[in-house]
C-alpha atoms as a PDB file:
ATOM      1  CA  MET A   1     -15.489 -35.591  45.853  1.00  0.00           C
ATOM      2  CA  ALA A   2     -12.841 -38.008  44.593  1.00  0.00           C
ATOM      3  CA  SER A   3     -11.633 -40.697  46.968  1.00  0.00           C
ATOM      4  CA  THR A   4      -9.267 -43.646  46.667  1.00  0.00           C
ATOM      5  CA  ILE A   5      -9.907 -47.018  48.275  1.00  0.00           C
ATOM      6  CA  VAL A   6      -6.795 -48.916  49.351  1.00  0.00           C
ATOM      7  CA  VAL A   7      -6.643 -52.660  50.007  1.00  0.00           C
ATOM      8  CA  LYS A   8      -3.183 -53.941  50.964  1.00  0.00           C
ATOM      9  CA  GLY A   9      -1.716 -57.340  51.626  1.00  0.00           C
ATOM     10  CA  ILE A  10      -4.200 -59.708  49.966  1.00  0.00           C
ATOM     11  CA  GLN A  11      -2.494 -63.075  50.427  1.00  0.00           C
ATOM     12  CA  LEU A  12      -2.626 -65.769  47.745  1.00  0.00           C
ATOM     13  CA  GLN A  13      -1.210 -69.266  47.527  1.00  0.00           C
ATOM     14  CA  ALA A  14      -0.776 -69.496  43.783  1.00  0.00           C
ATOM     15  CA  HIS A  15       0.668 -71.743  41.092  1.00  0.00           C
ATOM     16  CA  CYS A  16       2.842 -69.228  39.230  1.00  0.00           C
ATOM     17  CA  GLY A  17       6.262 -69.850  37.740  1.00  0.00           C
ATOM     18  CA  VAL A  18       8.223 -70.133  34.520  1.00  0.00           C
ATOM     19  CA  THR A  19       9.192 -73.778  35.078  1.00  0.00           C
ATOM     20  CA  GLU A  20       6.843 -76.687  35.605  1.00  0.00           C
ATOM     21  CA  SER A  21       8.510 -77.503  38.939  1.00  0.00           C
ATOM     22  CA  GLU A  22       7.872 -73.944  40.166  1.00  0.00           C
ATOM     23  CA  ARG A  23       4.230 -74.070  39.080  1.00  0.00           C
ATOM     24  CA  SER A  24       3.695 -77.445  40.749  1.00  0.00           C
ATOM     25  CA  GLN A  25       4.027 -75.935  44.222  1.00  0.00           C
ATOM     26  CA  ARG A  26       1.824 -73.201  45.596  1.00  0.00           C
ATOM     27  CA  GLN A  27       3.787 -70.124  46.624  1.00  0.00           C
ATOM     28  CA  PRO A  28       2.876 -66.962  48.504  1.00  0.00           C
ATOM     29  CA  ILE A  29       1.898 -63.922  46.465  1.00  0.00           C
ATOM     30  CA  LEU A  30       0.777 -60.548  47.808  1.00  0.00           C
ATOM     31  CA  VAL A  31      -1.602 -58.168  46.037  1.00  0.00           C
ATOM     32  CA  ASP A  32      -2.030 -54.469  46.866  1.00  0.00           C
ATOM     33  CA  LEU A  33      -4.808 -52.389  45.319  1.00  0.00           C
ATOM     34  CA  SER A  34      -5.753 -48.748  45.221  1.00  0.00           C
ATOM     35  CA  PHE A  35      -8.767 -47.823  43.133  1.00  0.00           C
ATOM     36  CA  ARG A  36     -11.533 -45.331  42.543  1.00  0.00           C
ATOM     37  CA  CYS A  37     -15.214 -46.039  42.125  1.00  0.00           C
ATOM     38  CA  PRO A  38     -18.417 -43.941  42.205  1.00  0.00           C
ATOM     39  CA  ASN A  39     -18.843 -44.090  45.999  1.00  0.00           C
ATOM     40  CA  GLU A  40     -19.643 -40.442  46.838  1.00  0.00           C
ATOM     41  CA  ALA A  41     -23.083 -41.326  48.223  1.00  0.00           C
ATOM     42  CA  ALA A  42     -21.575 -43.733  50.766  1.00  0.00           C
ATOM     43  CA  PHE A  43     -20.092 -40.853  52.764  1.00  0.00           C
ATOM     44  CA  GLN A  44     -23.620 -39.759  53.615  1.00  0.00           C
ATOM     45  CA  SER A  45     -25.707 -42.940  53.409  1.00  0.00           C
ATOM     46  CA  ASP A  46     -23.343 -45.240  55.331  1.00  0.00           C
ATOM     47  CA  GLN A  47     -24.672 -48.090  53.140  1.00  0.00           C
ATOM     48  CA  LEU A  48     -22.585 -50.781  51.483  1.00  0.00           C
ATOM     49  CA  TYR A  49     -24.588 -50.630  48.244  1.00  0.00           C
ATOM     50  CA  ASP A  50     -23.236 -47.104  47.646  1.00  0.00           C
ATOM     51  CA  THR A  51     -19.649 -48.348  47.413  1.00  0.00           C
ATOM     52  CA  VAL A  52     -17.864 -51.632  46.648  1.00  0.00           C
ATOM     53  CA  ASP A  53     -17.624 -54.603  48.991  1.00  0.00           C
ATOM     54  CA  TYR A  54     -13.913 -54.973  49.776  1.00  0.00           C
ATOM     55  CA  ALA A  55     -14.462 -58.558  50.925  1.00  0.00           C
ATOM     56  CA  THR A  56     -16.029 -59.461  47.569  1.00  0.00           C
ATOM     57  CA  ILE A  57     -13.146 -57.861  45.698  1.00  0.00           C
ATOM     58  CA  THR A  58     -10.663 -59.786  47.832  1.00  0.00           C
ATOM     59  CA  GLN A  59     -12.470 -63.057  47.157  1.00  0.00           C
ATOM     60  CA  CYS A  60     -12.522 -62.339  43.409  1.00  0.00           C
ATOM     61  CA  ILE A  61      -8.749 -61.905  43.441  1.00  0.00           C
ATOM     62  CA  ARG A  62      -8.258 -65.120  45.402  1.00  0.00           C
ATOM     63  CA  ASP A  63     -10.538 -67.074  43.075  1.00  0.00           C
ATOM     64  CA  ILE A  64      -8.427 -66.092  40.071  1.00  0.00           C
ATOM     65  CA  GLY A  65      -4.993 -66.243  41.708  1.00  0.00           C
ATOM     66  CA  GLU A  66      -5.494 -69.581  43.430  1.00  0.00           C
ATOM     67  CA  ASN A  67      -7.586 -71.497  40.886  1.00  0.00           C
ATOM     68  CA  ARG A  68      -5.575 -70.853  37.717  1.00  0.00           C
ATOM     69  CA  ARG A  69      -1.995 -71.644  36.744  1.00  0.00           C
ATOM     70  CA  TYR A  70       0.302 -68.958  35.399  1.00  0.00           C
ATOM     71  CA  SER A  71       3.795 -68.871  33.990  1.00  0.00           C
ATOM     72  CA  LEU A  72       4.195 -65.115  34.417  1.00  0.00           C
ATOM     73  CA  LEU A  73       3.112 -62.552  36.965  1.00  0.00           C
ATOM     74  CA  GLU A  74       2.361 -60.222  34.048  1.00  0.00           C
ATOM     75  CA  LYS A  75      -0.520 -62.398  32.852  1.00  0.00           C
ATOM     76  CA  LEU A  76      -1.857 -62.932  36.377  1.00  0.00           C
ATOM     77  CA  THR A  77      -1.823 -59.181  37.011  1.00  0.00           C
ATOM     78  CA  GLU A  78      -3.582 -58.404  33.724  1.00  0.00           C
ATOM     79  CA  ASP A  79      -6.275 -61.005  34.444  1.00  0.00           C
ATOM     80  CA  LEU A  80      -6.882 -59.477  37.882  1.00  0.00           C
ATOM     81  CA  CYS A  81      -7.288 -56.028  36.329  1.00  0.00           C
ATOM     82  CA  GLU A  82      -9.757 -57.315  33.753  1.00  0.00           C
ATOM     83  CA  ALA A  83     -11.845 -59.083  36.415  1.00  0.00           C
ATOM     84  CA  LEU A  84     -12.036 -55.993  38.625  1.00  0.00           C
ATOM     85  CA  PHE A  85     -13.249 -53.812  35.757  1.00  0.00           C
ATOM     86  CA  GLN A  86     -15.659 -56.476  34.549  1.00  0.00           C
ATOM     87  CA  HIS A  87     -17.326 -57.273  37.879  1.00  0.00           C
ATOM     88  CA  PHE A  88     -17.073 -54.033  39.863  1.00  0.00           C
ATOM     89  CA  THR A  89     -17.693 -50.313  39.269  1.00  0.00           C
ATOM     90  CA  VAL A  90     -13.974 -49.534  39.407  1.00  0.00           C
ATOM     91  CA  THR A  91     -12.995 -46.540  37.257  1.00  0.00           C
ATOM     92  CA  HIS A  92      -9.245 -46.291  37.945  1.00  0.00           C
ATOM     93  CA  LEU A  93      -6.944 -48.970  39.324  1.00  0.00           C
ATOM     94  CA  LYS A  94      -3.383 -49.342  40.583  1.00  0.00           C
ATOM     95  CA  ILE A  95      -2.296 -52.874  41.377  1.00  0.00           C
ATOM     96  CA  TRP A  96       0.939 -54.418  42.680  1.00  0.00           C
ATOM     97  CA  VAL A  97       1.325 -58.199  42.469  1.00  0.00           C
ATOM     98  CA  ARG A  98       4.530 -59.694  43.874  1.00  0.00           C
ATOM     99  CA  LYS A  99       6.204 -62.928  44.857  1.00  0.00           C
ATOM    100  CA  THR A 100       7.636 -62.876  48.379  1.00  0.00           C
ATOM    101  CA  ARG A 101       9.696 -66.039  47.874  1.00  0.00           C
ATOM    102  CA  ALA A 102      11.125 -65.649  44.416  1.00  0.00           C
ATOM    103  CA  PRO A 103      13.418 -68.528  43.330  1.00  0.00           C
ATOM    104  CA  ILE A 104      16.510 -66.329  43.156  1.00  0.00           C
ATOM    105  CA  THR A 105      19.762 -67.239  44.898  1.00  0.00           C
ATOM    106  CA  ASP A 106      20.840 -64.961  47.777  1.00  0.00           C
ATOM    107  CA  PHE A 107      17.734 -62.805  47.446  1.00  0.00           C
ATOM    108  CA  SER A 108      15.495 -61.862  50.353  1.00  0.00           C
ATOM    109  CA  GLY A 109      13.229 -59.239  48.761  1.00  0.00           C
ATOM    110  CA  SER A 110      10.217 -59.544  46.476  1.00  0.00           C
ATOM    111  CA  VAL A 111       9.671 -59.332  42.727  1.00  0.00           C
ATOM    112  CA  GLY A 112       6.483 -58.150  41.140  1.00  0.00           C
ATOM    113  CA  ILE A 113       4.462 -56.187  38.627  1.00  0.00           C
ATOM    114  CA  ARG A 114       2.788 -52.808  39.046  1.00  0.00           C
ATOM    115  CA  LEU A 115       0.060 -51.747  36.630  1.00  0.00           C
ATOM    116  CA  ILE A 116      -2.049 -48.626  36.289  1.00  0.00           C
ATOM    117  CA  ARG A 117      -5.260 -49.066  34.348  1.00  0.00           C
ATOM    118  CA  SER A 118      -8.487 -47.142  33.723  1.00  0.00           C
ATOM    119  CA  ARG A 119     -11.928 -48.388  32.782  1.00  0.00           C
ATOM    120  CA  GLN A 120     -11.519 -46.600  29.468  1.00  0.00           C
ATOM    121  CA  ASP A 121      -8.370 -48.647  28.792  1.00  0.00           C
ATOM    122  CA  PHE A 122     -10.303 -51.818  29.546  1.00  0.00           C
ATOM    123  CA  LEU A 123     -13.276 -50.925  27.359  1.00  0.00           C
ATOM    124  CA  GLN A 124     -11.092 -49.762  24.495  1.00  0.00           C
ATOM    125  CA  ALA A 125      -9.318 -53.107  24.583  1.00  0.00           C
ATOM    126  CA  GLN A 126     -12.727 -54.806  24.427  1.00  0.00           C
ATOM    127  CA  TYR A 127     -13.827 -52.827  21.374  1.00  0.00           C
ATOM    128  CA  GLY A 128     -10.436 -52.516  19.691  1.00  0.00           C
ATOM    129  CA  TYR A 129      -8.250 -49.447  19.455  1.00  0.00           C
ATOM    130  CA  PRO A 130      -9.174 -46.656  17.052  1.00  0.00           C
ATOM    131  CA  SER A 131      -7.196 -45.763  13.967  1.00  0.00           C
ATOM    132  CA  PRO A 132      -4.394 -43.247  14.616  1.00  0.00           C
ATOM    133  CA  PHE A 133      -5.793 -41.232  11.702  1.00  0.00           C
ATOM    134  CA  LEU A 134      -9.102 -40.786  13.516  1.00  0.00           C
ATOM    135  CA  ILE A 135      -7.301 -39.739  16.686  1.00  0.00           C
ATOM    136  CA  THR A 136      -5.197 -37.113  14.920  1.00  0.00           C
ATOM    137  CA  GLN A 137      -8.166 -35.690  12.985  1.00  0.00           C
ATOM    138  CA  LEU A 138     -10.572 -35.695  15.937  1.00  0.00           C
ATOM    139  CA  PRO A 139     -10.259 -31.918  16.637  1.00  0.00           C
ATOM    140  CA  ARG A 140     -11.368 -31.189  13.056  1.00  0.00           C
ATOM    141  CA  LEU A 141     -14.587 -33.197  13.206  1.00  0.00           C
ATOM    142  CA  PRO A 142     -17.777 -31.154  13.602  1.00  0.00           C
ATOM    143  CA  ARG A 143     -19.845 -32.117  16.635  1.00  0.00           C
ATOM    144  CA  GLY A 144     -23.061 -33.901  15.846  1.00  0.00           C
ATOM    145  CA  LYS A 145     -24.287 -37.152  14.334  1.00  0.00           C
ATOM    146  CA  VAL A 146     -21.844 -39.685  12.931  1.00  0.00           C
ATOM    147  CA  LEU A 147     -22.403 -42.512  10.451  1.00  0.00           C
ATOM    148  CA  ASP A 148     -19.876 -45.312  10.964  1.00  0.00           C
ATOM    149  CA  VAL A 149     -19.895 -47.452   7.811  1.00  0.00           C
ATOM    150  CA  ALA A 150     -18.917 -51.112   8.301  1.00  0.00           C
ATOM    151  CA  THR A 151     -18.699 -50.448  12.030  1.00  0.00           C
ATOM    152  CA  GLY A 152     -17.932 -54.048  13.021  1.00  0.00           C
ATOM    153  CA  GLN A 153     -17.704 -54.338  16.812  1.00  0.00           C
ATOM    154  CA  GLY A 154     -17.554 -50.574  17.029  1.00  0.00           C
ATOM    155  CA  ARG A 155     -14.006 -49.540  17.868  1.00  0.00           C
ATOM    156  CA  HIS A 156     -14.538 -46.147  16.245  1.00  0.00           C
ATOM    157  CA  ALA A 157     -18.173 -45.843  17.328  1.00  0.00           C
ATOM    158  CA  TYR A 158     -17.170 -46.352  20.961  1.00  0.00           C
ATOM    159  CA  PHE A 159     -14.249 -43.937  20.689  1.00  0.00           C
ATOM    160  CA  LEU A 160     -16.460 -41.137  19.360  1.00  0.00           C
ATOM    161  CA  ALA A 161     -19.464 -41.886  21.593  1.00  0.00           C
ATOM    162  CA  THR A 162     -17.308 -41.471  24.699  1.00  0.00           C
ATOM    163  CA  ARG A 163     -16.253 -38.072  23.367  1.00  0.00           C
ATOM    164  CA  GLY A 164     -19.685 -36.564  22.917  1.00  0.00           C
ATOM    165  CA  PHE A 165     -20.692 -37.701  19.425  1.00  0.00           C
ATOM    166  CA  SER A 166     -23.928 -39.509  18.593  1.00  0.00           C
ATOM    167  CA  VAL A 167     -23.012 -42.495  16.417  1.00  0.00           C
ATOM    168  CA  HIS A 168     -25.063 -44.680  14.075  1.00  0.00           C
ATOM    169  CA  GLY A 169     -23.181 -47.811  13.051  1.00  0.00           C
ATOM    170  CA  ILE A 170     -24.142 -49.910  10.056  1.00  0.00           C
ATOM    171  CA  ASP A 171     -22.833 -53.353   9.135  1.00  0.00           C
ATOM    172  CA  ARG A 172     -23.932 -56.693   7.664  1.00  0.00           C
ATOM    173  CA  ASN A 173     -22.441 -58.679  10.574  1.00  0.00           C
ATOM    174  CA  ARG A 174     -25.323 -59.220  12.980  1.00  0.00           C
ATOM    175  CA  GLU A 175     -23.141 -60.726  15.713  1.00  0.00           C
ATOM    176  CA  ALA A 176     -20.823 -57.723  15.693  1.00  0.00           C
ATOM    177  CA  LEU A 177     -23.767 -55.332  15.926  1.00  0.00           C
ATOM    178  CA  GLU A 178     -25.228 -57.325  18.823  1.00  0.00           C
ATOM    179  CA  PHE A 179     -21.895 -57.086  20.667  1.00  0.00           C
ATOM    180  CA  LEU A 180     -21.774 -53.338  20.111  1.00  0.00           C
ATOM    181  CA  ASN A 181     -25.358 -52.844  21.302  1.00  0.00           C
ATOM    182  CA  THR A 182     -24.783 -54.893  24.448  1.00  0.00           C
ATOM    183  CA  GLN A 183     -21.581 -53.098  25.373  1.00  0.00           C
ATOM    184  CA  ALA A 184     -23.105 -49.663  24.767  1.00  0.00           C
ATOM    185  CA  GLN A 185     -26.017 -50.450  27.077  1.00  0.00           C
ATOM    186  CA  GLU A 186     -23.802 -51.902  29.796  1.00  0.00           C
ATOM    187  CA  GLU A 187     -21.632 -48.805  29.809  1.00  0.00           C
ATOM    188  CA  GLY A 188     -24.377 -46.391  30.712  1.00  0.00           C
ATOM    189  CA  GLU A 189     -26.421 -46.055  27.549  1.00  0.00           C
ATOM    190  CA  LEU A 190     -23.746 -44.674  25.258  1.00  0.00           C
ATOM    191  CA  PRO A 191     -25.205 -42.658  22.333  1.00  0.00           C
ATOM    192  CA  ILE A 192     -24.759 -45.489  19.834  1.00  0.00           C
ATOM    193  CA  THR A 193     -27.422 -46.952  17.543  1.00  0.00           C
ATOM    194  CA  THR A 194     -26.910 -49.722  15.022  1.00  0.00           C
ATOM    195  CA  GLU A 195     -28.582 -50.988  11.886  1.00  0.00           C
ATOM    196  CA  TYR A 196     -28.149 -54.158   9.885  1.00  0.00           C
ATOM    197  CA  ILE A 197     -27.540 -53.232   6.249  1.00  0.00           C
ATOM    198  CA  ASP A 198     -25.948 -55.218   3.436  1.00  0.00           C
ATOM    199  CA  LEU A 199     -24.533 -52.459   1.273  1.00  0.00           C
ATOM    200  CA  GLU A 200     -23.655 -54.775  -1.605  1.00  0.00           C
ATOM    201  CA  THR A 201     -26.912 -56.591  -2.362  1.00  0.00           C
ATOM    202  CA  ASN A 202     -27.306 -54.705  -5.619  1.00  0.00           C
ATOM    203  CA  ASP A 203     -24.218 -53.498  -7.495  1.00  0.00           C
ATOM    204  CA  LEU A 204     -26.161 -50.883  -9.425  1.00  0.00           C
ATOM    205  CA  THR A 205     -28.177 -49.243  -6.646  1.00  0.00           C
ATOM    206  CA  PRO A 206     -26.707 -49.407  -3.135  1.00  0.00           C
ATOM    207  CA  PRO A 207     -29.153 -48.780  -0.254  1.00  0.00           C
ATOM    208  CA  ASP A 208     -30.257 -45.215   0.362  1.00  0.00           C
ATOM    209  CA  LEU A 209     -28.522 -43.828   3.472  1.00  0.00           C
ATOM    210  CA  GLY A 210     -30.694 -40.729   3.707  1.00  0.00           C
ATOM    211  CA  THR A 211     -30.294 -37.118   2.663  1.00  0.00           C
ATOM    212  CA  GLU A 212     -28.172 -34.593   4.585  1.00  0.00           C
ATOM    213  CA  ILE A 213     -28.430 -36.440   7.892  1.00  0.00           C
ATOM    214  CA  TYR A 214     -24.866 -36.774   9.155  1.00  0.00           C
ATOM    215  CA  ASP A 215     -22.240 -34.294  10.300  1.00  0.00           C
ATOM    216  CA  VAL A 216     -19.476 -36.893  10.002  1.00  0.00           C
ATOM    217  CA  ILE A 217     -19.176 -40.100   7.981  1.00  0.00           C
ATOM    218  CA  LEU A 218     -16.441 -42.608   8.801  1.00  0.00           C
ATOM    219  CA  ILE A 219     -15.204 -45.377   6.517  1.00  0.00           C
ATOM    220  CA  PHE A 220     -12.229 -47.450   7.595  1.00  0.00           C
ATOM    221  CA  PHE A 221     -10.897 -50.389   5.592  1.00  0.00           C
ATOM    222  CA  TYR A 222     -14.014 -50.872   3.553  1.00  0.00           C
ATOM    223  CA  LEU A 223     -14.240 -50.168  -0.157  1.00  0.00           C
ATOM    224  CA  TYR A 224     -17.368 -50.410  -2.268  1.00  0.00           C
ATOM    225  CA  ARG A 225     -17.086 -47.926  -5.090  1.00  0.00           C
ATOM    226  CA  PRO A 226     -20.807 -47.661  -6.042  1.00  0.00           C
ATOM    227  CA  LEU A 227     -21.540 -46.429  -2.502  1.00  0.00           C
ATOM    228  CA  PHE A 228     -19.758 -43.063  -2.798  1.00  0.00           C
ATOM    229  CA  PRO A 229     -22.708 -41.077  -4.228  1.00  0.00           C
ATOM    230  CA  GLN A 230     -24.924 -42.296  -1.385  1.00  0.00           C
ATOM    231  CA  LEU A 231     -22.318 -41.324   1.194  1.00  0.00           C
ATOM    232  CA  LEU A 232     -22.043 -37.790  -0.104  1.00  0.00           C
ATOM    233  CA  LYS A 233     -25.817 -37.509  -0.352  1.00  0.00           C
ATOM    234  CA  ALA A 234     -26.190 -38.533   3.311  1.00  0.00           C
ATOM    235  CA  LEU A 235     -23.654 -35.936   4.457  1.00  0.00           C
ATOM    236  CA  LYS A 236     -24.863 -32.512   5.562  1.00  0.00           C
ATOM    237  CA  PRO A 237     -23.454 -29.420   3.823  1.00  0.00           C
ATOM    238  CA  GLY A 238     -20.347 -28.528   5.798  1.00  0.00           C
ATOM    239  CA  GLY A 239     -20.085 -32.073   7.097  1.00  0.00           C
ATOM    240  CA  VAL A 240     -16.930 -34.131   6.687  1.00  0.00           C
ATOM    241  CA  ILE A 241     -16.069 -37.583   5.459  1.00  0.00           C
ATOM    242  CA  LEU A 242     -13.098 -39.379   7.030  1.00  0.00           C
ATOM    243  CA  TYR A 243     -11.794 -42.249   4.944  1.00  0.00           C
ATOM    244  CA  GLU A 244      -8.894 -44.684   5.147  1.00  0.00           C
ATOM    245  CA  THR A 245      -8.399 -47.953   3.327  1.00  0.00           C
ATOM    246  CA  PHE A 246      -5.820 -50.108   1.590  1.00  0.00           C
ATOM    247  CA  LEU A 247      -3.817 -49.089  -1.428  1.00  0.00           C
ATOM    248  CA  LEU A 248      -2.995 -51.537  -4.210  1.00  0.00           C
ATOM    249  CA  GLU A 249       0.593 -51.418  -2.962  1.00  0.00           C
ATOM    250  CA  ASN A 250      -0.461 -53.265   0.188  1.00  0.00           C
ATOM    251  CA  HIS A 251      -1.927 -56.080  -1.898  1.00  0.00           C
ATOM    252  CA  LEU A 252       1.258 -56.331  -3.957  1.00  0.00           C
ATOM    253  CA  GLN A 253       3.737 -56.172  -1.077  1.00  0.00           C
ATOM    254  CA  ARG A 254       1.812 -57.801   1.780  1.00  0.00           C
ATOM    255  CA  GLN A 255      -0.789 -59.903  -0.052  1.00  0.00           C
ATOM    256  CA  HIS A 256      -3.623 -58.245   1.831  1.00  0.00           C
ATOM    257  CA  PRO A 257      -6.412 -57.900   0.926  1.00  0.00           C
ATOM    258  CA  ARG A 258      -6.261 -60.992  -1.238  1.00  0.00           C
ATOM    259  CA  ARG A 259      -8.336 -59.408  -3.997  1.00  0.00           C
ATOM    260  CA  LYS A 260      -6.862 -56.306  -5.552  1.00  0.00           C
ATOM    261  CA  GLU A 261     -10.299 -54.832  -6.343  1.00  0.00           C
ATOM    262  CA  PHE A 262     -10.639 -54.149  -2.611  1.00  0.00           C
ATOM    263  CA  CYS A 263      -7.706 -51.723  -2.854  1.00  0.00           C
ATOM    264  CA  LEU A 264      -7.468 -48.165  -4.126  1.00  0.00           C
ATOM    265  CA  GLU A 265      -5.228 -47.046  -6.930  1.00  0.00           C
ATOM    266  CA  SER A 266      -3.002 -44.087  -6.159  1.00  0.00           C
ATOM    267  CA  ASN A 267      -5.078 -40.864  -6.072  1.00  0.00           C
ATOM    268  CA  GLU A 268      -8.292 -42.812  -6.759  1.00  0.00           C
ATOM    269  CA  LEU A 269      -9.835 -41.610  -3.506  1.00  0.00           C
ATOM    270  CA  LEU A 270      -9.359 -38.021  -4.631  1.00  0.00           C
ATOM    271  CA  THR A 271     -11.510 -38.671  -7.679  1.00  0.00           C
ATOM    272  CA  PHE A 272     -14.368 -39.923  -5.497  1.00  0.00           C
ATOM    273  CA  LEU A 273     -14.090 -36.780  -3.362  1.00  0.00           C
ATOM    274  CA  ARG A 274     -13.506 -34.353  -6.234  1.00  0.00           C
ATOM    275  CA  HIS A 275     -16.564 -32.239  -5.378  1.00  0.00           C
ATOM    276  CA  CYS A 276     -15.430 -31.792  -1.770  1.00  0.00           C
ATOM    277  CA  HIS A 277     -12.895 -29.506  -0.140  1.00  0.00           C
ATOM    278  CA  ILE A 278      -9.906 -31.694   0.733  1.00  0.00           C
ATOM    279  CA  LEU A 279      -8.726 -30.895   4.259  1.00  0.00           C
ATOM    280  CA  HIS A 280      -6.152 -33.690   4.395  1.00  0.00           C
ATOM    281  CA  TYR A 281      -4.858 -36.315   1.984  1.00  0.00           C
ATOM    282  CA  ASP A 282      -1.858 -38.615   2.061  1.00  0.00           C
ATOM    283  CA  GLU A 283      -0.733 -42.047   0.920  1.00  0.00           C
ATOM    284  CA  GLY A 284       1.915 -44.225   2.519  1.00  0.00           C
ATOM    285  CA  ASP A 285       2.959 -47.005   4.858  1.00  0.00           C
ATOM    286  CA  HIS A 286       0.960 -46.104   7.951  1.00  0.00           C
ATOM    287  CA  ARG A 287       0.868 -47.466  11.473  1.00  0.00           C
ATOM    288  CA  GLY A 288      -2.338 -49.188  12.490  1.00  0.00           C
ATOM    289  CA  ALA A 289      -3.958 -49.449  15.914  1.00  0.00           C
ATOM    290  CA  SER A 290      -0.649 -50.837  17.233  1.00  0.00           C
ATOM    291  CA  GLN A 291       2.936 -50.345  16.134  1.00  0.00           C
ATOM    292  CA  ALA A 292       3.070 -53.966  14.984  1.00  0.00           C
ATOM    293  CA  HIS A 293       0.296 -53.408  12.424  1.00  0.00           C
ATOM    294  CA  ARG A 294       1.163 -51.377   9.358  1.00  0.00           C
ATOM    295  CA  ALA A 295      -0.468 -51.003   5.959  1.00  0.00           C
ATOM    296  CA  PHE A 296      -0.120 -48.986   2.776  1.00  0.00           C
ATOM    297  CA  THR A 297      -3.230 -46.834   2.878  1.00  0.00           C
ATOM    298  CA  ALA A 298      -4.807 -43.716   1.422  1.00  0.00           C
ATOM    299  CA  ARG A 299      -6.240 -41.336   4.038  1.00  0.00           C
ATOM    300  CA  ALA A 300      -8.533 -38.386   3.440  1.00  0.00           C
ATOM    301  CA  LEU A 301     -10.572 -35.842   5.348  1.00  0.00           C
ATOM    302  CA  ALA A 302     -12.930 -33.897   3.071  1.00  0.00           C
ATOM    303  CA  ARG A 303     -15.688 -31.354   3.683  1.00  0.00           C
ATOM    304  CA  LYS A 304     -18.868 -31.235   1.656  1.00  0.00           C
ATOM    305  CA  PRO A 305     -19.592 -27.736   0.299  1.00  0.00           C
END
């Protein structure tokens, strides 16, 4: 049973305005909310602990709106959304924040911001957005266990774990792994495990990643050429490897990465995957997690025989 909770007309006296003179005076702002949360049990139990406390939510909004200074309603509204997802079991949220005394000549209405957000939006922003290449190739990935190489804070691990995959992330950044572990536990025990591994301690013999363990192996923006035999060894027959990283062209045109040995030559990735069935390969100037981020990359999806 899906239900929507509506809270209208939360009144704030806030410092919000583009100019310093406008921010110096408190002004009335109204906030309307409609949201969903897991409150099905409350219809039978009649107990507050089976839903959210509307008074607590209202106080949270007042604490933020009245104790911080803002130039724009956009930022105030975004901060309210983040707080509601962070402190309450809200799953979907619609919010309308508006000034009722906007400093506009001959104007008697209100001006404001409406946002629609989901908990998944919030969490994805926390982890970082996945690569568009992963999103487009998702239907071709076999269900099962995933190895996420150089997982970092887990933007791809989280994306796949919330879609039914079991993910093992490896990295040499302990702080990033700790963040990923904490977030996975807080979000209902997501099927994510992590392991601290420094893949480059020995140039001649990279660490053993196991034999025929994984259905999918992900590598995004990490290049360590001696590792390729271990990756293919760890992949199950019929499993796939999804790979994207910088081309030398990105180093030459955008000076990133700074060292050219961290970039692939044209068609070099195909040589590493020569014993696999290539399901997709392309090189070019590709969009990153946002339209503002672009890079010259090589992208491949290959299946192990």
